[in-house]
C-alpha atoms as a PDB file:
ATOM      1  CA  MET A   1      -0.002   0.115   0.157  1.00  0.00           C
ATOM      2  CA  LYS A   2       1.540   3.587  -1.011  1.00  0.00           C
ATOM      3  CA  ALA A   3       1.702   5.793   2.065  1.00  0.00           C
ATOM      4  CA  ILE A   4      -0.286   8.854   2.190  1.00  0.00           C
ATOM      5  CA  ASN A   5       1.841  12.098   2.536  1.00  0.00           C
ATOM      6  CA  LEU A   6      -0.559  14.868   4.254  1.00  0.00           C
ATOM      7  CA  LYS A   7       2.239  17.289   5.262  1.00  0.00           C
ATOM      8  CA  ASN A   8       1.058  20.784   5.089  1.00  0.00           C
ATOM      9  CA  LYS A   9      -2.402  19.891   5.252  1.00  0.00           C
ATOM     10  CA  VAL A  10      -5.242  20.826   8.038  1.00  0.00           C
ATOM     11  CA  ILE A  11      -7.689  17.941   8.321  1.00  0.00           C
ATOM     12  CA  VAL A  12     -10.462  18.173  10.775  1.00  0.00           C
ATOM     13  CA  VAL A  13     -12.198  15.233  12.220  1.00  0.00           C
ATOM     14  CA  VAL A  14     -15.549  15.327  13.497  1.00  0.00           C
ATOM     15  CA  GLY A  15     -16.730  13.236  16.538  1.00  0.00           C
ATOM     16  CA  GLY A  16     -12.624  12.878  16.980  1.00  0.00           C
ATOM     17  CA  THR A  17     -12.996  11.240  20.330  1.00  0.00           C
ATOM     18  CA  GLY A  18     -15.290   8.367  19.616  1.00  0.00           C
ATOM     19  CA  ASP A  19     -13.383   4.881  18.780  1.00  0.00           C
ATOM     20  CA  ILE A  20     -13.558   5.666  14.747  1.00  0.00           C
ATOM     21  CA  GLY A  21     -13.112   9.363  15.050  1.00  0.00           C
ATOM     22  CA  SER A  22      -9.937   8.873  17.230  1.00  0.00           C
ATOM     23  CA  LYS A  23      -8.379   6.410  14.969  1.00  0.00           C
ATOM     24  CA  ILE A  24      -8.902   8.461  11.823  1.00  0.00           C
ATOM     25  CA  ALA A  25      -7.392  11.410  13.909  1.00  0.00           C
ATOM     26  CA  GLU A  26      -4.438   9.079  14.690  1.00  0.00           C
ATOM     27  CA  ILE A  27      -3.807   7.902  10.996  1.00  0.00           C
ATOM     28  CA  LEU A  28      -3.902  11.456   9.834  1.00  0.00           C
ATOM     29  CA  ALA A  29      -1.381  12.644  12.079  1.00  0.00           C
ATOM     30  CA  GLU A  30       0.852   9.685  11.452  1.00  0.00           C
ATOM     31  CA  ALA A  31       0.772  10.561   7.856  1.00  0.00           C
ATOM     32  CA  GLY A  32       2.002  14.106   8.779  1.00  0.00           C
ATOM     33  CA  SER A  33      -1.211  16.392   8.783  1.00  0.00           C
ATOM     34  CA  GLU A  34      -2.009  19.236  11.202  1.00  0.00           C
ATOM     35  CA  THR A  35      -5.095  17.387  12.834  1.00  0.00           C
ATOM     36  CA  VAL A  36      -7.904  19.402  14.054  1.00  0.00           C
ATOM     37  CA  ILE A  37     -10.262  17.404  16.580  1.00  0.00           C
ATOM     38  CA  THR A  38     -13.556  18.453  17.426  1.00  0.00           C
ATOM     39  CA  ASP A  39     -16.052  16.894  19.889  1.00  0.00           C
ATOM     40  CA  ILE A  40     -17.810  17.379  22.850  1.00  0.00           C
ATOM     41  CA  ASN A  41     -15.804  15.614  25.144  1.00  0.00           C
ATOM     42  CA  HIS A  42     -12.955  18.055  26.186  1.00  0.00           C
ATOM     43  CA  GLU A  43     -11.137  15.551  28.339  1.00  0.00           C
ATOM     44  CA  LYS A  44     -10.665  12.987  25.836  1.00  0.00           C
ATOM     45  CA  GLY A  45      -9.838  15.497  23.072  1.00  0.00           C
ATOM     46  CA  ASP A  46      -7.330  17.297  24.913  1.00  0.00           C
ATOM     47  CA  SER A  47      -5.647  14.081  25.703  1.00  0.00           C
ATOM     48  CA  LEU A  48      -5.840  12.825  22.289  1.00  0.00           C
ATOM     49  CA  ALA A  49      -4.298  15.793  20.854  1.00  0.00           C
ATOM     50  CA  GLN A  50      -1.404  16.229  23.115  1.00  0.00           C
ATOM     51  CA  ASP A  51      -1.036  12.179  22.169  1.00  0.00           C
ATOM     52  CA  LEU A  52      -0.702  12.759  18.904  1.00  0.00           C
ATOM     53  CA  THR A  53       1.491  15.646  18.896  1.00  0.00           C
ATOM     54  CA  GLN A  54       3.869  13.537  20.895  1.00  0.00           C
ATOM     55  CA  ARG A  55       3.836  10.498  18.833  1.00  0.00           C
ATOM     56  CA  PHE A  56       3.791  11.873  15.633  1.00  0.00           C
ATOM     57  CA  LYS A  57       5.494  15.063  15.859  1.00  0.00           C
ATOM     58  CA  THR A  58       2.603  17.227  14.269  1.00  0.00           C
ATOM     59  CA  THR A  59       0.552  19.688  15.495  1.00  0.00           C
ATOM     60  CA  SER A  60      -2.819  18.362  16.747  1.00  0.00           C
ATOM     61  CA  ALA A  61      -5.420  20.603  18.486  1.00  0.00           C
ATOM     62  CA  PHE A  62      -8.863  19.900  19.907  1.00  0.00           C
ATOM     63  CA  TYR A  63     -11.989  22.194  19.886  1.00  0.00           C
ATOM     64  CA  LYS A  64     -14.613  21.685  22.085  1.00  0.00           C
ATOM     65  CA  CYS A  65     -17.749  21.821  19.652  1.00  0.00           C
ATOM     66  CA  ASP A  66     -21.314  20.476  19.376  1.00  0.00           C
ATOM     67  CA  LEU A  67     -22.354  20.142  15.889  1.00  0.00           C
ATOM     68  CA  ARG A  68     -25.852  20.721  16.819  1.00  0.00           C
ATOM     69  CA  SER A  69     -24.916  24.240  17.718  1.00  0.00           C
ATOM     70  CA  ARG A  70     -24.237  26.550  15.057  1.00  0.00           C
ATOM     71  CA  LYS A  71     -22.664  29.086  17.539  1.00  0.00           C
ATOM     72  CA  GLU A  72     -20.026  26.468  18.902  1.00  0.00           C
ATOM     73  CA  VAL A  73     -19.281  25.349  15.066  1.00  0.00           C
ATOM     74  CA  LYS A  74     -18.553  29.213  14.444  1.00  0.00           C
ATOM     75  CA  ASN A  75     -16.642  29.521  17.606  1.00  0.00           C
ATOM     76  CA  ALA A  76     -14.359  26.574  16.906  1.00  0.00           C
ATOM     77  CA  VAL A  77     -13.622  27.782  13.542  1.00  0.00           C
ATOM     78  CA  ASN A  78     -12.611  31.053  14.610  1.00  0.00           C
ATOM     79  CA  GLU A  79     -10.339  29.571  17.315  1.00  0.00           C
ATOM     80  CA  ARG A  80      -8.657  27.277  15.179  1.00  0.00           C
ATOM     81  CA  ARG A  81      -8.132  30.547  12.850  1.00  0.00           C
ATOM     82  CA  LYS A  82      -6.326  32.552  15.558  1.00  0.00           C
ATOM     83  CA  ASN A  83      -3.971  29.685  15.979  1.00  0.00           C
END
């Protein structure tokens, strides 16, 4: 299987603290992307972002965001833009 190179790409993983979302975030970070994790579970999200950053030497960040709330989505996007 050909390796994927995602360096210099920013990818958002919605629902990133669940079983499937966290594995997707891991695969993306391993491929070199800047991984932005969104979910409602702040504790798991922060922990996952720190773990991915340390293990794969890439930038990973977590933003608490409930997709049912337009305001929270807007806040998460604005926070990411600041950083």
